[in-house]
Amino acid sequence: MVSPTIDLVIEFALMLAIGAAMAILFLFISHLLAPKSKNPNKDQPYECGVVPESDARAPMNVHYYLVAVLFVLFDLEAVFIYPWAISLRELGTSALVEMFVFIVILLVGYFYAWKKGVFEWE
């Protein structure tokens, strides 16, 4: 008699083989039935209905990334402040002091980014 673990392995291998065979069969059938077109426009990149005019790897201003990171930072601040505000009565005065320290640290980062000119658009 074969042990249950070997039966499970055999069943899994069989399902894996059947799934792989079906995937290969479906890809082969779609390749055979697909319409063949020799139009050169099919080989061009297509962006939102407009033919691209320049290289897609054009440099992007790093300013957008800085604003996105700051947005995520201050969005996470709200995620931390909300549960704190809900349970402030149970947490007591020490939690109030800790939240003020947390907000001061965030404000230091905010003013540092402001001084560096992250919020100025050129």
Protein backbone atom coordinates (compact mmCIF):
# COMPACT_ATOMS: atom_id res chain seq x y z
CA MET A 1 0.00 0.00 0.00
CA VAL A 2 1.24 3.47 -0.91
CA SER A 3 1.47 6.10 1.83
CA PRO A 4 -0.86 9.15 1.73
CA THR A 5 2.03 11.58 1.22
CA ILE A 6 3.20 9.78 -1.89
CA ASP A 7 -0.38 9.80 -3.20
CA LEU A 8 -0.55 13.56 -2.68
CA VAL A 9 2.76 14.05 -4.47
CA ILE A 10 1.62 11.92 -7.39
CA GLU A 11 -1.70 13.80 -7.60
CA PHE A 12 0.07 17.16 -7.46
CA ALA A 13 2.56 16.13 -10.16
CA LEU A 14 -0.29 14.86 -12.34
CA MET A 15 -2.26 18.13 -11.95
CA LEU A 16 0.87 20.16 -12.66
CA ALA A 17 1.61 18.13 -15.81
CA ILE A 18 -1.99 18.44 -17.05
CA GLY A 19 -2.01 22.20 -16.38
CA ALA A 20 1.30 22.72 -18.19
CA ALA A 21 0.15 20.60 -21.13
CA MET A 22 -3.09 22.57 -21.39
CA ALA A 23 -1.23 25.89 -21.29
CA ILE A 24 1.15 24.78 -24.06
CA LEU A 25 -1.75 23.39 -26.10
CA PHE A 26 -3.76 26.63 -25.81
CA LEU A 27 -0.75 28.76 -26.79
CA PHE A 28 -0.10 26.53 -29.80
CA ILE A 29 -3.76 26.64 -30.92
CA SER A 30 -3.93 30.44 -30.57
CA HIS A 31 -0.71 30.74 -32.59
CA LEU A 32 -2.22 28.61 -35.36
CA LEU A 33 -5.60 30.40 -35.42
CA ALA A 34 -4.37 33.98 -34.98
CA PRO A 35 -4.65 36.22 -38.04
CA LYS A 36 -1.34 36.95 -39.70
CA SER A 37 -0.85 40.58 -40.74
CA LYS A 38 2.25 42.01 -42.38
CA ASN A 39 1.30 45.64 -41.68
CA PRO A 40 4.38 47.63 -40.50
CA ASN A 41 2.17 49.73 -38.19
CA LYS A 42 1.68 46.68 -35.95
CA ASP A 43 5.36 46.81 -34.99
CA GLN A 44 5.24 50.45 -33.82
CA PRO A 45 4.73 51.35 -30.16
CA TYR A 46 1.34 52.78 -29.31
CA GLU A 47 0.66 55.19 -26.45
CA CYS A 48 -2.90 56.34 -25.76
CA GLY A 49 -3.78 56.67 -29.42
CA VAL A 50 -0.79 58.90 -30.20
CA VAL A 51 2.29 57.85 -32.13
CA PRO A 52 5.30 58.46 -29.84
CA GLU A 53 7.53 61.33 -30.89
CA SER A 54 10.58 60.65 -28.72
CA ASP A 55 12.33 57.93 -26.79
CA ALA A 56 10.33 56.42 -23.93
CA ARG A 57 13.43 56.49 -21.72
CA ALA A 58 13.56 60.27 -21.54
CA PRO A 59 14.87 61.59 -18.22
CA MET A 60 12.21 62.55 -15.72
CA ASN A 61 12.52 65.31 -13.17
CA VAL A 62 13.36 63.90 -9.73
CA HIS A 63 11.10 66.53 -8.17
CA TYR A 64 8.05 64.34 -8.81
CA TYR A 65 9.61 61.50 -6.85
CA LEU A 66 10.41 63.76 -3.91
CA VAL A 67 6.83 65.02 -3.76
CA ALA A 68 5.55 61.43 -3.96
CA VAL A 69 7.81 60.32 -1.10
CA LEU A 70 6.70 63.26 1.03
CA PHE A 71 3.07 62.45 0.29
CA VAL A 72 3.58 58.86 1.42
CA LEU A 73 5.39 60.07 4.55
CA PHE A 74 2.60 62.40 5.61
CA ASP A 75 -0.04 59.89 4.59
CA LEU A 76 1.55 57.37 6.95
CA GLU A 77 1.52 60.04 9.63
CA ALA A 78 -2.26 60.10 9.39
CA VAL A 79 -2.33 56.31 9.63
CA PHE A 80 -0.43 56.50 12.93
CA ILE A 81 -2.36 59.43 14.37
CA TYR A 82 -5.86 58.02 13.77
CA PRO A 83 -5.66 54.97 16.08
CA TRP A 84 -3.80 57.08 18.64
CA ALA A 85 -6.65 59.59 18.65
CA ILE A 86 -9.25 56.85 19.01
CA SER A 87 -7.59 55.31 22.08
CA LEU A 88 -6.11 58.43 23.70
CA ARG A 89 -8.21 58.16 26.87
CA GLU A 90 -6.99 54.63 27.59
CA LEU A 91 -3.37 55.44 26.76
CA GLY A 92 -3.01 58.40 29.08
CA THR A 93 -0.67 61.39 29.27
CA SER A 94 2.48 59.52 28.21
CA ALA A 95 0.90 58.74 24.82
CA LEU A 96 0.05 62.42 24.40
CA VAL A 97 3.68 63.41 25.03
CA GLU A 98 4.95 60.69 22.67
CA MET A 99 2.62 61.87 19.90
CA PHE A 100 3.85 65.44 20.32
CA VAL A 101 7.43 64.17 19.98
CA PHE A 102 6.40 62.24 16.85
CA ILE A 103 4.77 65.32 15.32
CA VAL A 104 7.80 67.48 16.16
CA ILE A 105 10.07 65.01 14.38
CA LEU A 106 7.79 65.10 11.34
CA LEU A 107 7.73 68.91 11.41
CA VAL A 108 11.53 69.00 11.48
CA GLY A 109 11.55 66.84 8.35
CA TYR A 110 8.90 69.02 6.75
CA PHE A 111 10.83 72.24 7.38
CA TYR A 112 14.04 70.59 6.15
CA ALA A 113 12.33 69.65 2.88
CA TRP A 114 10.90 73.16 2.65
CA LYS A 115 14.36 74.70 3.15
CA LYS A 116 15.82 72.42 0.46
CA GLY A 117 13.18 73.69 -2.00
CA VAL A 118 11.29 70.46 -2.53
CA PHE A 119 7.95 72.29 -2.64
CA GLU A 120 9.06 74.90 -5.22
CA TRP A 121 8.04 74.24 -8.83
CA GLU A 122 10.33 75.57 -11.51
